[in-house]
PDB file of all heavy atoms in Angstrom:
ATOM      1  N   VAL A   1     -34.932 -42.278 -15.853  1.00  0.00           N
ATOM      2  CA  VAL A   1     -34.787 -43.469 -16.702  1.00  0.00           C
ATOM      3  C   VAL A   1     -33.612 -44.333 -16.248  1.00  0.00           C
ATOM      4  O   VAL A   1     -33.704 -45.564 -16.222  1.00  0.00           O
ATOM      5  CB  VAL A   1     -34.650 -43.074 -18.194  1.00  0.00           C
ATOM      6  CG1 VAL A   1     -34.411 -44.302 -19.067  1.00  0.00           C
ATOM      7  CG2 VAL A   1     -35.895 -42.327 -18.656  1.00  0.00           C
ATOM      8  N   ASN A   2     -32.516 -43.707 -15.865  1.00  0.00           N
ATOM      9  CA  ASN A   2     -31.368 -44.481 -15.404  1.00  0.00           C
ATOM     10  C   ASN A   2     -31.699 -45.219 -14.101  1.00  0.00           C
ATOM     11  O   ASN A   2     -31.249 -46.350 -13.885  1.00  0.00           O
ATOM     12  CB  ASN A   2     -30.153 -43.575 -15.205  1.00  0.00           C
ATOM     13  CG  ASN A   2     -28.871 -44.367 -15.069  1.00  0.00           C
ATOM     14  OD1 ASN A   2     -28.397 -44.929 -16.033  1.00  0.00           O
ATOM     15  ND2 ASN A   2     -28.332 -44.439 -13.862  1.00  0.00           N
ATOM     16  N   THR A   3     -32.487 -44.586 -13.243  1.00  0.00           N
ATOM     17  CA  THR A   3     -32.917 -45.257 -12.012  1.00  0.00           C
ATOM     18  C   THR A   3     -33.746 -46.492 -12.359  1.00  0.00           C
ATOM     19  O   THR A   3     -33.565 -47.566 -11.775  1.00  0.00           O
ATOM     20  CB  THR A   3     -33.738 -44.302 -11.127  1.00  0.00           C
ATOM     21  OG1 THR A   3     -32.921 -43.166 -10.810  1.00  0.00           O
ATOM     22  CG2 THR A   3     -34.179 -44.977  -9.843  1.00  0.00           C
ATOM     23  N   ALA A   4     -34.623 -46.355 -13.351  1.00  0.00           N
ATOM     24  CA  ALA A   4     -35.434 -47.498 -13.789  1.00  0.00           C
ATOM     25  C   ALA A   4     -34.536 -48.603 -14.342  1.00  0.00           C
ATOM     26  O   ALA A   4     -34.749 -49.797 -14.071  1.00  0.00           O
ATOM     27  CB  ALA A   4     -36.438 -47.056 -14.847  1.00  0.00           C
ATOM     28  N   LEU A   5     -33.510 -48.219 -15.108  1.00  0.00           N
ATOM     29  CA  LEU A   5     -32.562 -49.201 -15.643  1.00  0.00           C
ATOM     30  C   LEU A   5     -31.878 -49.964 -14.505  1.00  0.00           C
ATOM     31  O   LEU A   5     -31.791 -51.197 -14.533  1.00  0.00           O
ATOM     32  CB  LEU A   5     -31.523 -48.491 -16.524  1.00  0.00           C
ATOM     33  CG  LEU A   5     -30.455 -49.349 -17.192  1.00  0.00           C
ATOM     34  CD1 LEU A   5     -29.963 -48.690 -18.474  1.00  0.00           C
ATOM     35  CD2 LEU A   5     -29.260 -49.617 -16.295  1.00  0.00           C
ATOM     36  N   MET A   6     -31.411 -49.231 -13.521  1.00  0.00           N
ATOM     37  CA  MET A   6     -30.695 -49.868 -12.411  1.00  0.00           C
ATOM     38  C   MET A   6     -31.601 -50.820 -11.629  1.00  0.00           C
ATOM     39  O   MET A   6     -31.181 -51.907 -11.247  1.00  0.00           O
ATOM     40  CB  MET A   6     -30.112 -48.805 -11.479  1.00  0.00           C
ATOM     41  CG  MET A   6     -29.102 -47.886 -12.143  1.00  0.00           C
ATOM     42  SD  MET A   6     -27.577 -48.719 -12.601  1.00  0.00           S
ATOM     43  CE  MET A   6     -26.806 -48.868 -11.016  1.00  0.00           C
ATOM     44  N   TYR A   7     -32.841 -50.410 -11.409  1.00  0.00           N
ATOM     45  CA  TYR A   7     -33.779 -51.296 -10.698  1.00  0.00           C
ATOM     46  C   TYR A   7     -34.139 -52.515 -11.548  1.00  0.00           C
ATOM     47  O   TYR A   7     -34.373 -53.597 -11.017  1.00  0.00           O
ATOM     48  CB  TYR A   7     -35.035 -50.538 -10.285  1.00  0.00           C
ATOM     49  CG  TYR A   7     -34.900 -49.880  -8.930  1.00  0.00           C
ATOM     50  CD1 TYR A   7     -34.741 -48.499  -8.810  1.00  0.00           C
ATOM     51  CD2 TYR A   7     -34.912 -50.634  -7.770  1.00  0.00           C
ATOM     52  CE1 TYR A   7     -34.600 -47.894  -7.578  1.00  0.00           C
ATOM     53  CE2 TYR A   7     -34.778 -50.037  -6.523  1.00  0.00           C
ATOM     54  CZ  TYR A   7     -34.619 -48.668  -6.434  1.00  0.00           C
ATOM     55  OH  TYR A   7     -34.472 -48.076  -5.203  1.00  0.00           O
ATOM     56  N   THR A   8     -34.163 -52.344 -12.848  1.00  0.00           N
ATOM     57  CA  THR A   8     -34.422 -53.478 -13.743  1.00  0.00           C
ATOM     58  C   THR A   8     -33.350 -54.546 -13.569  1.00  0.00           C
ATOM     59  O   THR A   8     -33.612 -55.740 -13.714  1.00  0.00           O
ATOM     60  CB  THR A   8     -34.493 -52.999 -15.209  1.00  0.00           C
ATOM     61  OG1 THR A   8     -35.541 -52.040 -15.322  1.00  0.00           O
ATOM     62  CG2 THR A   8     -34.755 -54.154 -16.157  1.00  0.00           C
ATOM     63  N   GLY A   9     -32.144 -54.117 -13.222  1.00  0.00           N
ATOM     64  CA  GLY A   9     -31.052 -55.057 -12.980  1.00  0.00           C
ATOM     65  C   GLY A   9     -31.311 -56.018 -11.837  1.00  0.00           C
ATOM     66  O   GLY A   9     -30.607 -57.022 -11.683  1.00  0.00           O
ATOM     67  N   ARG A  10     -32.336 -55.758 -11.033  1.00  0.00           N
ATOM     68  CA  ARG A  10     -32.685 -56.674  -9.944  1.00  0.00           C
ATOM     69  C   ARG A  10     -33.453 -57.891 -10.451  1.00  0.00           C
ATOM     70  O   ARG A  10     -33.609 -58.872  -9.737  1.00  0.00           O
ATOM     71  CB  ARG A  10     -33.501 -55.951  -8.882  1.00  0.00           C
ATOM     72  CG  ARG A  10     -32.693 -54.889  -8.164  1.00  0.00           C
ATOM     73  CD  ARG A  10     -33.457 -54.288  -7.025  1.00  0.00           C
ATOM     74  NE  ARG A  10     -32.639 -53.291  -6.347  1.00  0.00           N
ATOM     75  CZ  ARG A  10     -32.864 -52.885  -5.113  1.00  0.00           C
ATOM     76  NH1 ARG A  10     -33.862 -53.389  -4.416  1.00  0.00           N
ATOM     77  NH2 ARG A  10     -32.086 -51.976  -4.572  1.00  0.00           N
ATOM     78  N   ILE A  11     -33.941 -57.801 -11.676  1.00  0.00           N
ATOM     79  CA  ILE A  11     -34.603 -58.946 -12.301  1.00  0.00           C
ATOM     80  C   ILE A  11     -33.505 -59.846 -12.853  1.00  0.00           C
ATOM     81  O   ILE A  11     -32.601 -59.374 -13.553  1.00  0.00           O
ATOM     82  CB  ILE A  11     -35.541 -58.486 -13.436  1.00  0.00           C
ATOM     83  CG1 ILE A  11     -36.608 -57.537 -12.885  1.00  0.00           C
ATOM     84  CG2 ILE A  11     -36.174 -59.690 -14.141  1.00  0.00           C
ATOM     85  CD1 ILE A  11     -37.406 -56.815 -13.957  1.00  0.00           C
ATOM     86  N   LYS A  12     -33.574 -61.115 -12.545  1.00  0.00           N
ATOM     87  CA  LYS A  12     -32.483 -62.042 -12.894  1.00  0.00           C
ATOM     88  C   LYS A  12     -32.092 -61.969 -14.367  1.00  0.00           C
ATOM     89  O   LYS A  12     -30.919 -61.957 -14.715  1.00  0.00           O
ATOM     90  CB  LYS A  12     -32.879 -63.467 -12.519  1.00  0.00           C
ATOM     91  CG  LYS A  12     -31.771 -64.466 -12.746  1.00  0.00           C
ATOM     92  CD  LYS A  12     -32.123 -65.843 -12.287  1.00  0.00           C
ATOM     93  CE  LYS A  12     -30.941 -66.757 -12.536  1.00  0.00           C
ATOM     94  NZ  LYS A  12     -31.201 -68.130 -12.146  1.00  0.00           N
ATOM     95  N   MET A  13     -33.071 -61.922 -15.221  1.00  0.00           N
ATOM     96  CA  MET A  13     -32.822 -61.906 -16.662  1.00  0.00           C
ATOM     97  C   MET A  13     -31.995 -60.690 -17.104  1.00  0.00           C
ATOM     98  O   MET A  13     -31.286 -60.735 -18.096  1.00  0.00           O
ATOM     99  CB  MET A  13     -34.187 -61.924 -17.342  1.00  0.00           C
ATOM    100  CG  MET A  13     -34.230 -61.753 -18.792  1.00  0.00           C
ATOM    101  SD  MET A  13     -35.966 -61.886 -19.277  1.00  0.00           S
ATOM    102  CE  MET A  13     -35.749 -61.768 -21.011  1.00  0.00           C
ATOM    103  N   PHE A  14     -32.099 -59.595 -16.354  1.00  0.00           N
ATOM    104  CA  PHE A  14     -31.396 -58.356 -16.692  1.00  0.00           C
ATOM    105  C   PHE A  14     -30.318 -58.007 -15.665  1.00  0.00           C
ATOM    106  O   PHE A  14     -29.912 -56.858 -15.550  1.00  0.00           O
ATOM    107  CB  PHE A  14     -32.398 -57.201 -16.798  1.00  0.00           C
ATOM    108  CG  PHE A  14     -33.465 -57.420 -17.813  1.00  0.00           C
ATOM    109  CD1 PHE A  14     -34.775 -57.661 -17.422  1.00  0.00           C
ATOM    110  CD2 PHE A  14     -33.174 -57.417 -19.163  1.00  0.00           C
ATOM    111  CE1 PHE A  14     -35.779 -57.870 -18.358  1.00  0.00           C
ATOM    112  CE2 PHE A  14     -34.168 -57.631 -20.108  1.00  0.00           C
ATOM    113  CZ  PHE A  14     -35.472 -57.870 -19.703  1.00  0.00           C
ATOM    114  N   SER A  15     -29.855 -58.997 -14.931  1.00  0.00           N
ATOM    115  CA  SER A  15     -28.938 -58.734 -13.810  1.00  0.00           C
ATOM    116  C   SER A  15     -27.538 -58.313 -14.246  1.00  0.00           C
ATOM    117  O   SER A  15     -26.773 -57.820 -13.428  1.00  0.00           O
ATOM    118  CB  SER A  15     -28.858 -59.956 -12.895  1.00  0.00           C
ATOM    119  OG  SER A  15     -28.337 -61.059 -13.604  1.00  0.00           O
ATOM    120  N   LEU A  16     -27.201 -58.502 -15.511  1.00  0.00           N
ATOM    121  CA  LEU A  16     -25.888 -58.056 -15.997  1.00  0.00           C
ATOM    122  C   LEU A  16     -25.992 -56.565 -16.343  1.00  0.00           C
ATOM    123  O   LEU A  16     -26.126 -56.184 -17.501  1.00  0.00           O
ATOM    124  CB  LEU A  16     -25.449 -58.886 -17.207  1.00  0.00           C
ATOM    125  CG  LEU A  16     -24.065 -58.571 -17.755  1.00  0.00           C
ATOM    126  CD1 LEU A  16     -22.969 -58.908 -16.745  1.00  0.00           C
ATOM    127  CD2 LEU A  16     -23.834 -59.301 -19.063  1.00  0.00           C
ATOM    128  N   ILE A  17     -25.925 -55.732 -15.325  1.00  0.00           N
ATOM    129  CA  ILE A  17     -26.110 -54.288 -15.526  1.00  0.00           C
ATOM    130  C   ILE A  17     -25.064 -53.693 -16.472  1.00  0.00           C
ATOM    131  O   ILE A  17     -25.407 -52.866 -17.324  1.00  0.00           O
ATOM    132  CB  ILE A  17     -26.157 -53.552 -14.168  1.00  0.00           C
ATOM    133  CG1 ILE A  17     -27.432 -53.975 -13.416  1.00  0.00           C
ATOM    134  CG2 ILE A  17     -26.141 -52.044 -14.359  1.00  0.00           C
ATOM    135  CD1 ILE A  17     -27.569 -53.423 -12.021  1.00  0.00           C
ATOM    136  N   PRO A  18     -23.781 -54.107 -16.419  1.00  0.00           N
ATOM    137  CA  PRO A  18     -22.843 -53.578 -17.420  1.00  0.00           C
ATOM    138  C   PRO A  18     -23.291 -53.866 -18.852  1.00  0.00           C
ATOM    139  O   PRO A  18     -23.089 -53.048 -19.744  1.00  0.00           O
ATOM    140  CB  PRO A  18     -21.524 -54.288 -17.086  1.00  0.00           C
ATOM    141  CG  PRO A  18     -21.635 -54.587 -15.628  1.00  0.00           C
ATOM    142  CD  PRO A  18     -23.087 -54.919 -15.403  1.00  0.00           C
ATOM    143  N   GLY A  19     -23.937 -55.010 -19.066  1.00  0.00           N
ATOM    144  CA  GLY A  19     -24.463 -55.321 -20.397  1.00  0.00           C
ATOM    145  C   GLY A  19     -25.501 -54.299 -20.831  1.00  0.00           C
ATOM    146  O   GLY A  19     -25.532 -53.876 -21.990  1.00  0.00           O
ATOM    147  N   MET A  20     -26.348 -53.876 -19.886  1.00  0.00           N
ATOM    148  CA  MET A  20     -27.338 -52.845 -20.229  1.00  0.00           C
ATOM    149  C   MET A  20     -26.642 -51.540 -20.581  1.00  0.00           C
ATOM    150  O   MET A  20     -27.050 -50.841 -21.514  1.00  0.00           O
ATOM    151  CB  MET A  20     -28.330 -52.651 -19.075  1.00  0.00           C
ATOM    152  CG  MET A  20     -29.360 -53.758 -18.996  1.00  0.00           C
ATOM    153  SD  MET A  20     -30.833 -53.312 -18.059  1.00  0.00           S
ATOM    154  CE  MET A  20     -30.245 -53.565 -16.388  1.00  0.00           C
ATOM    155  N   PHE A  21     -25.577 -51.211 -19.865  1.00  0.00           N
ATOM    156  CA  PHE A  21     -24.868 -49.967 -20.177  1.00  0.00           C
ATOM    157  C   PHE A  21     -24.097 -50.056 -21.495  1.00  0.00           C
ATOM    158  O   PHE A  21     -23.947 -49.047 -22.191  1.00  0.00           O
ATOM    159  CB  PHE A  21     -23.959 -49.555 -19.020  1.00  0.00           C
ATOM    160  CG  PHE A  21     -24.712 -48.818 -17.952  1.00  0.00           C
ATOM    161  CD1 PHE A  21     -25.055 -49.440 -16.766  1.00  0.00           C
ATOM    162  CD2 PHE A  21     -25.123 -47.504 -18.144  1.00  0.00           C
ATOM    163  CE1 PHE A  21     -25.779 -48.773 -15.784  1.00  0.00           C
ATOM    164  CE2 PHE A  21     -25.834 -46.816 -17.173  1.00  0.00           C
ATOM    165  CZ  PHE A  21     -26.173 -47.457 -15.987  1.00  0.00           C
ATOM    166  N   PHE A  22     -23.631 -51.251 -21.868  1.00  0.00           N
ATOM    167  CA  PHE A  22     -23.009 -51.401 -23.192  1.00  0.00           C
ATOM    168  C   PHE A  22     -24.040 -51.095 -24.280  1.00  0.00           C
ATOM    169  O   PHE A  22     -23.751 -50.414 -25.263  1.00  0.00           O
ATOM    170  CB  PHE A  22     -22.454 -52.813 -23.383  1.00  0.00           C
ATOM    171  CG  PHE A  22     -21.254 -53.136 -22.534  1.00  0.00           C
ATOM    172  CD1 PHE A  22     -21.060 -54.424 -22.051  1.00  0.00           C
ATOM    173  CD2 PHE A  22     -20.314 -52.174 -22.209  1.00  0.00           C
ATOM    174  CE1 PHE A  22     -19.961 -54.740 -21.266  1.00  0.00           C
ATOM    175  CE2 PHE A  22     -19.215 -52.476 -21.418  1.00  0.00           C
ATOM    176  CZ  PHE A  22     -19.036 -53.767 -20.953  1.00  0.00           C
ATOM    177  N   GLY A  23     -25.249 -51.621 -24.107  1.00  0.00           N
ATOM    178  CA  GLY A  23     -26.309 -51.348 -25.069  1.00  0.00           C
ATOM    179  C   GLY A  23     -26.753 -49.894 -25.047  1.00  0.00           C
ATOM    180  O   GLY A  23     -27.030 -49.282 -26.088  1.00  0.00           O
ATOM    181  N   PHE A  24     -26.808 -49.326 -23.857  1.00  0.00           N
ATOM    182  CA  PHE A  24     -27.168 -47.924 -23.626  1.00  0.00           C
ATOM    183  C   PHE A  24     -26.217 -47.016 -24.415  1.00  0.00           C
ATOM    184  O   PHE A  24     -26.640 -46.171 -25.210  1.00  0.00           O
ATOM    185  CB  PHE A  24     -27.042 -47.693 -22.121  1.00  0.00           C
ATOM    186  CG  PHE A  24     -27.583 -46.416 -21.564  1.00  0.00           C
ATOM    187  CD1 PHE A  24     -28.936 -46.284 -21.300  1.00  0.00           C
ATOM    188  CD2 PHE A  24     -26.744 -45.362 -21.223  1.00  0.00           C
ATOM    189  CE1 PHE A  24     -29.449 -45.121 -20.710  1.00  0.00           C
ATOM    190  CE2 PHE A  24     -27.237 -44.213 -20.651  1.00  0.00           C
ATOM    191  CZ  PHE A  24     -28.595 -44.082 -20.398  1.00  0.00           C
ATOM    192  N   ALA A  25     -24.914 -47.213 -24.197  1.00  0.00           N
ATOM    193  CA  ALA A  25     -23.908 -46.386 -24.868  1.00  0.00           C
ATOM    194  C   ALA A  25     -23.893 -46.638 -26.377  1.00  0.00           C
ATOM    195  O   ALA A  25     -23.719 -45.699 -27.171  1.00  0.00           O
ATOM    196  CB  ALA A  25     -22.531 -46.666 -24.274  1.00  0.00           C
TER     197      ALA A  25
END
């Protein structure tokens, strides 16, 4: 799942990967 999250960061809309980890945590 974390690998999927990181690859999702390649999509411009989700490119702020730290933002995803803030939501994750």
